[in-house]
Amino acid sequence: MAIFNRLPKLEQILSVYGVIILFTYGWTLYRFVWKLPSWLINLTIKEIFIGLCYALTTNLFESLVVLTIILIPALIFPNSKWSLEFVFRASTFVGIVLFTFIRILKNDALINDLPAYGLYAIAATALLQFVLIKLNWFHNLIIGFAERTIVFIYFLLPPSLVAAFFLGIRRLWI
């Protein structure tokens, strides 16, 4: 299994996964809480709970797909710059890309604005990856932030696994 030796350390992967969870679950829970008052009027508690289970399960798989995409360059290119500064590079990339997606999903962007958002994401990623990595305080700030987001894994991963299990059982019985 020499190919898996190319992966970053587990602590580094968990730091980046914490950043991914912060963005994906944060956006979904924000939207869920925003819509909850009207749902309490129109839906039953069971329907709201099922909707939350679907949202948590979707976020679980979504965050795992994003993490897999982030790990692919580390598998393909041994000892690349991506692997050496994995937490900084992956955290900034994930932060910019997911923030751009959130801005697009927030309905602030029209279809005509998508190229501009794409160029913004590319420019911001290039700036962070090649220029701001030289600033020691900024580098330490991003890595410290990523290490502290691991706590979100402990809070959000168990409910997501329970929700996925619940939906699996529900799909078998219906």
C-alpha atoms as a PDB file:
ATOM      1  CA  MET A   1       0.000   0.000   0.000  1.00  0.00           C
ATOM      2  CA  ALA A   2       2.735   2.441  -0.957  1.00  0.00           C
ATOM      3  CA  ILE A   3       0.229   4.802  -2.543  1.00  0.00           C
ATOM      4  CA  PHE A   4      -1.480   5.452   0.793  1.00  0.00           C
ATOM      5  CA  ASN A   5       1.864   6.439   2.317  1.00  0.00           C
ATOM      6  CA  ARG A   6       1.625   9.571   0.167  1.00  0.00           C
ATOM      7  CA  LEU A   7      -1.394  10.800   2.120  1.00  0.00           C
ATOM      8  CA  PRO A   8      -0.879  13.502   4.733  1.00  0.00           C
ATOM      9  CA  LYS A   9      -0.986  12.587   8.409  1.00  0.00           C
ATOM     10  CA  LEU A  10      -4.378  11.899   9.967  1.00  0.00           C
ATOM     11  CA  GLU A  11      -4.184  15.078  12.089  1.00  0.00           C
ATOM     12  CA  GLN A  12      -3.705  17.153   8.951  1.00  0.00           C
ATOM     13  CA  ILE A  13      -6.582  15.444   7.157  1.00  0.00           C
ATOM     14  CA  LEU A  14      -8.857  15.987  10.177  1.00  0.00           C
ATOM     15  CA  SER A  15      -7.935  19.689  10.302  1.00  0.00           C
ATOM     16  CA  VAL A  16      -8.948  20.155   6.675  1.00  0.00           C
ATOM     17  CA  TYR A  17     -12.068  18.026   7.164  1.00  0.00           C
ATOM     18  CA  GLY A  18     -13.026  20.302  10.060  1.00  0.00           C
ATOM     19  CA  VAL A  19     -12.860  23.323   7.740  1.00  0.00           C
ATOM     20  CA  ILE A  20     -14.984  21.475   5.169  1.00  0.00           C
ATOM     21  CA  ILE A  21     -17.552  20.590   7.837  1.00  0.00           C
ATOM     22  CA  LEU A  22     -17.600  24.166   9.124  1.00  0.00           C
ATOM     23  CA  PHE A  23     -18.644  25.488   5.716  1.00  0.00           C
ATOM     24  CA  THR A  24     -20.977  22.723   4.547  1.00  0.00           C
ATOM     25  CA  TYR A  25     -22.836  22.085   7.781  1.00  0.00           C
ATOM     26  CA  GLY A  26     -22.745  25.741   8.785  1.00  0.00           C
ATOM     27  CA  TRP A  27     -24.541  26.831   5.640  1.00  0.00           C
ATOM     28  CA  THR A  28     -27.111  24.044   5.838  1.00  0.00           C
ATOM     29  CA  LEU A  29     -27.881  24.588   9.516  1.00  0.00           C
ATOM     30  CA  TYR A  30     -28.144  28.343   8.945  1.00  0.00           C
ATOM     31  CA  ARG A  31     -30.718  27.768   6.196  1.00  0.00           C
ATOM     32  CA  PHE A  32     -32.521  25.133   8.287  1.00  0.00           C
ATOM     33  CA  VAL A  33     -32.881  27.445  11.285  1.00  0.00           C
ATOM     34  CA  TRP A  34     -33.946  30.287   8.958  1.00  0.00           C
ATOM     35  CA  LYS A  35     -36.822  28.203   7.545  1.00  0.00           C
ATOM     36  CA  LEU A  36     -37.764  26.449  10.792  1.00  0.00           C
ATOM     37  CA  PRO A  37     -40.417  28.946  12.025  1.00  0.00           C
ATOM     38  CA  SER A  38     -42.506  28.582   8.872  1.00  0.00           C
ATOM     39  CA  TRP A  39     -42.016  24.828   8.884  1.00  0.00           C
ATOM     40  CA  LEU A  40     -43.368  24.636  12.429  1.00  0.00           C
ATOM     41  CA  ILE A  41     -46.608  26.113  11.128  1.00  0.00           C
ATOM     42  CA  ASN A  42     -46.948  23.988   7.984  1.00  0.00           C
ATOM     43  CA  LEU A  43     -45.199  20.682   8.745  1.00  0.00           C
ATOM     44  CA  THR A  44     -45.340  18.064  11.451  1.00  0.00           C
ATOM     45  CA  ILE A  45     -42.371  17.440  13.746  1.00  0.00           C
ATOM     46  CA  LYS A  46     -41.805  14.106  12.001  1.00  0.00           C
ATOM     47  CA  GLU A  47     -41.526  15.794   8.587  1.00  0.00           C
ATOM     48  CA  ILE A  48     -39.127  18.409   9.973  1.00  0.00           C
ATOM     49  CA  PHE A  49     -37.003  15.676  11.559  1.00  0.00           C
ATOM     50  CA  ILE A  50     -36.891  13.725   8.285  1.00  0.00           C
ATOM     51  CA  GLY A  51     -35.846  16.883   6.450  1.00  0.00           C
ATOM     52  CA  LEU A  52     -33.065  17.446   8.979  1.00  0.00           C
ATOM     53  CA  CYS A  53     -31.937  13.829   8.567  1.00  0.00           C
ATOM     54  CA  TYR A  54     -31.755  14.254   4.797  1.00  0.00           C
ATOM     55  CA  ALA A  55     -29.807  17.500   5.205  1.00  0.00           C
ATOM     56  CA  LEU A  56     -27.304  15.961   7.629  1.00  0.00           C
ATOM     57  CA  THR A  57     -26.832  12.864   5.483  1.00  0.00           C
ATOM     58  CA  THR A  58     -26.357  14.967   2.362  1.00  0.00           C
ATOM     59  CA  ASN A  59     -23.775  17.094   4.151  1.00  0.00           C
ATOM     60  CA  LEU A  60     -21.959  13.989   5.348  1.00  0.00           C
ATOM     61  CA  PHE A  61     -21.542  12.649   1.817  1.00  0.00           C
ATOM     62  CA  GLU A  62     -20.903  16.108   0.400  1.00  0.00           C
ATOM     63  CA  SER A  63     -18.077  16.762   2.851  1.00  0.00           C
ATOM     64  CA  LEU A  64     -16.535  13.339   2.179  1.00  0.00           C
ATOM     65  CA  VAL A  65     -16.587  14.016  -1.576  1.00  0.00           C
ATOM     66  CA  VAL A  66     -14.878  17.380  -1.074  1.00  0.00           C
ATOM     67  CA  LEU A  67     -12.261  15.748   1.173  1.00  0.00           C
ATOM     68  CA  THR A  68     -11.627  13.068  -1.450  1.00  0.00           C
ATOM     69  CA  ILE A  69     -11.157  15.735  -4.123  1.00  0.00           C
ATOM     70  CA  ILE A  70      -8.699  17.537  -1.845  1.00  0.00           C
ATOM     71  CA  LEU A  71      -6.700  14.336  -1.212  1.00  0.00           C
ATOM     72  CA  ILE A  72      -6.337  13.375  -4.889  1.00  0.00           C
ATOM     73  CA  PRO A  73      -3.373  15.732  -5.606  1.00  0.00           C
ATOM     74  CA  ALA A  74      -1.542  14.309  -2.581  1.00  0.00           C
ATOM     75  CA  LEU A  75      -1.986  10.800  -3.984  1.00  0.00           C
ATOM     76  CA  ILE A  76      -0.980  11.676  -7.526  1.00  0.00           C
ATOM     77  CA  PHE A  77       2.014  13.936  -6.870  1.00  0.00           C
ATOM     78  CA  PRO A  78       4.432  12.556  -4.282  1.00  0.00           C
ATOM     79  CA  ASN A  79       6.205  15.153  -2.133  1.00  0.00           C
ATOM     80  CA  SER A  80       4.582  18.011  -3.997  1.00  0.00           C
ATOM     81  CA  LYS A  81       4.072  21.472  -2.574  1.00  0.00           C
ATOM     82  CA  TRP A  82       0.465  20.456  -1.974  1.00  0.00           C
ATOM     83  CA  SER A  83       1.573  17.673   0.370  1.00  0.00           C
ATOM     84  CA  LEU A  84       4.241  19.696   2.187  1.00  0.00           C
ATOM     85  CA  GLU A  85       1.881  22.477   3.246  1.00  0.00           C
ATOM     86  CA  PHE A  86      -1.298  20.416   3.123  1.00  0.00           C
ATOM     87  CA  VAL A  87      -3.248  22.069   5.952  1.00  0.00           C
ATOM     88  CA  PHE A  88      -2.603  25.618   4.739  1.00  0.00           C
ATOM     89  CA  ARG A  89      -3.110  24.957   1.048  1.00  0.00           C
ATOM     90  CA  ALA A  90      -6.141  22.703   1.398  1.00  0.00           C
ATOM     91  CA  SER A  91      -7.830  24.895   4.035  1.00  0.00           C
ATOM     92  CA  THR A  92      -7.480  28.059   1.993  1.00  0.00           C
ATOM     93  CA  PHE A  93      -8.607  26.301  -1.182  1.00  0.00           C
ATOM     94  CA  VAL A  94     -11.634  24.767   0.544  1.00  0.00           C
ATOM     95  CA  GLY A  95     -12.492  28.044   2.247  1.00  0.00           C
ATOM     96  CA  ILE A  96     -12.435  30.049  -0.964  1.00  0.00           C
ATOM     97  CA  VAL A  97     -14.238  27.492  -3.125  1.00  0.00           C
ATOM     98  CA  LEU A  98     -16.975  26.732  -0.599  1.00  0.00           C
ATOM     99  CA  PHE A  99     -17.423  30.433   0.207  1.00  0.00           C
ATOM    100  CA  THR A 100     -17.846  31.071  -3.523  1.00  0.00           C
ATOM    101  CA  PHE A 101     -20.430  28.293  -3.777  1.00  0.00           C
ATOM    102  CA  ILE A 102     -22.297  29.710  -0.787  1.00  0.00           C
ATOM    103  CA  ARG A 103     -22.379  33.152  -2.417  1.00  0.00           C
ATOM    104  CA  ILE A 104     -23.768  31.605  -5.598  1.00  0.00           C
ATOM    105  CA  LEU A 105     -26.370  29.547  -3.721  1.00  0.00           C
ATOM    106  CA  LYS A 106     -27.451  32.560  -1.720  1.00  0.00           C
ATOM    107  CA  ASN A 107     -29.088  33.814  -4.938  1.00  0.00           C
ATOM    108  CA  ASP A 108     -26.860  36.862  -4.986  1.00  0.00           C
ATOM    109  CA  ALA A 109     -25.336  35.647  -8.221  1.00  0.00           C
ATOM    110  CA  LEU A 110     -26.963  35.426 -11.589  1.00  0.00           C
ATOM    111  CA  ILE A 111     -25.892  32.938 -14.243  1.00  0.00           C
ATOM    112  CA  ASN A 112     -24.073  35.765 -16.023  1.00  0.00           C
ATOM    113  CA  ASP A 113     -21.980  36.361 -12.881  1.00  0.00           C
ATOM    114  CA  LEU A 114     -20.630  32.793 -12.664  1.00  0.00           C
ATOM    115  CA  PRO A 115     -17.480  33.493 -14.729  1.00  0.00           C
ATOM    116  CA  ALA A 116     -16.700  36.462 -12.503  1.00  0.00           C
ATOM    117  CA  TYR A 117     -17.086  34.316  -9.375  1.00  0.00           C
ATOM    118  CA  GLY A 118     -14.871  31.646 -10.945  1.00  0.00           C
ATOM    119  CA  LEU A 119     -12.168  34.204 -11.724  1.00  0.00           C
ATOM    120  CA  TYR A 120     -12.457  35.585  -8.198  1.00  0.00           C
ATOM    121  CA  ALA A 121     -11.981  32.111  -6.730  1.00  0.00           C
ATOM    122  CA  ILE A 122      -8.960  31.420  -8.945  1.00  0.00           C
ATOM    123  CA  ALA A 123      -7.353  34.782  -8.177  1.00  0.00           C
ATOM    124  CA  ALA A 124      -7.953  34.516  -4.433  1.00  0.00           C
ATOM    125  CA  THR A 125      -6.633  30.959  -4.362  1.00  0.00           C
ATOM    126  CA  ALA A 126      -3.508  31.938  -6.291  1.00  0.00           C
ATOM    127  CA  LEU A 127      -2.927  34.904  -3.984  1.00  0.00           C
ATOM    128  CA  LEU A 128      -3.276  32.790  -0.862  1.00  0.00           C
ATOM    129  CA  GLN A 129      -1.321  29.812  -2.194  1.00  0.00           C
ATOM    130  CA  PHE A 130       1.693  31.641  -3.579  1.00  0.00           C
ATOM    131  CA  VAL A 131       1.913  35.068  -1.967  1.00  0.00           C
ATOM    132  CA  LEU A 132       0.379  34.981   1.501  1.00  0.00           C
ATOM    133  CA  ILE A 133       1.976  31.654   2.425  1.00  0.00           C
ATOM    134  CA  LYS A 134       5.203  33.666   2.843  1.00  0.00           C
ATOM    135  CA  LEU A 135       3.632  35.701   5.652  1.00  0.00           C
ATOM    136  CA  ASN A 136       4.380  33.722   8.773  1.00  0.00           C
ATOM    137  CA  TRP A 137       1.567  35.221  10.869  1.00  0.00           C
ATOM    138  CA  PHE A 138      -1.042  34.529   8.163  1.00  0.00           C
ATOM    139  CA  HIS A 139       0.248  30.992   7.683  1.00  0.00           C
ATOM    140  CA  ASN A 140       0.022  30.349  11.444  1.00  0.00           C
ATOM    141  CA  LEU A 141      -3.440  31.936  11.586  1.00  0.00           C
ATOM    142  CA  ILE A 142      -4.856  29.609   8.914  1.00  0.00           C
ATOM    143  CA  ILE A 143      -3.244  26.504  10.394  1.00  0.00           C
ATOM    144  CA  GLY A 144      -4.412  27.419  13.914  1.00  0.00           C
ATOM    145  CA  PHE A 145      -7.932  28.030  12.642  1.00  0.00           C
ATOM    146  CA  ALA A 146      -7.957  24.699  10.804  1.00  0.00           C
ATOM    147  CA  GLU A 147      -6.732  22.831  13.881  1.00  0.00           C
ATOM    148  CA  ARG A 148      -9.492  24.354  15.990  1.00  0.00           C
ATOM    149  CA  THR A 149     -12.233  23.352  13.575  1.00  0.00           C
ATOM    150  CA  ILE A 150     -11.661  19.695  14.463  1.00  0.00           C
ATOM    151  CA  VAL A 151     -14.199  20.226  17.261  1.00  0.00           C
ATOM    152  CA  PHE A 152     -16.949  20.447  14.630  1.00  0.00           C
ATOM    153  CA  ILE A 153     -16.200  16.869  13.626  1.00  0.00           C
ATOM    154  CA  TYR A 154     -17.058  15.735  17.153  1.00  0.00           C
ATOM    155  CA  PHE A 155     -20.296  17.734  17.206  1.00  0.00           C
ATOM    156  CA  LEU A 156     -21.622  17.091  13.705  1.00  0.00           C
ATOM    157  CA  LEU A 157     -20.333  13.713  12.556  1.00  0.00           C
ATOM    158  CA  PRO A 158     -22.223  11.533  15.104  1.00  0.00           C
ATOM    159  CA  PRO A 159     -25.640  13.107  14.369  1.00  0.00           C
ATOM    160  CA  SER A 160     -24.943  12.706  10.651  1.00  0.00           C
ATOM    161  CA  LEU A 161     -24.144   9.025  11.046  1.00  0.00           C
ATOM    162  CA  VAL A 162     -27.295   8.519  13.136  1.00  0.00           C
ATOM    163  CA  ALA A 163     -29.330  10.389  10.498  1.00  0.00           C
ATOM    164  CA  ALA A 164     -27.851   8.246   7.707  1.00  0.00           C
ATOM    165  CA  PHE A 165     -28.643   5.097   9.693  1.00  0.00           C
ATOM    166  CA  PHE A 166     -32.185   6.352  10.367  1.00  0.00           C
ATOM    167  CA  LEU A 167     -32.759   7.103   6.683  1.00  0.00           C
ATOM    168  CA  GLY A 168     -31.374   3.707   5.704  1.00  0.00           C
ATOM    169  CA  ILE A 169     -33.793   1.972   8.083  1.00  0.00           C
ATOM    170  CA  ARG A 170     -36.625   4.226   6.894  1.00  0.00           C
ATOM    171  CA  ARG A 171     -35.948   3.399   3.241  1.00  0.00           C
ATOM    172  CA  LEU A 172     -35.988  -0.331   4.006  1.00  0.00           C
ATOM    173  CA  TRP A 173     -39.379  -0.164   5.743  1.00  0.00           C
ATOM    174  CA  ILE A 174     -41.158   2.141   3.323  1.00  0.00           C
END
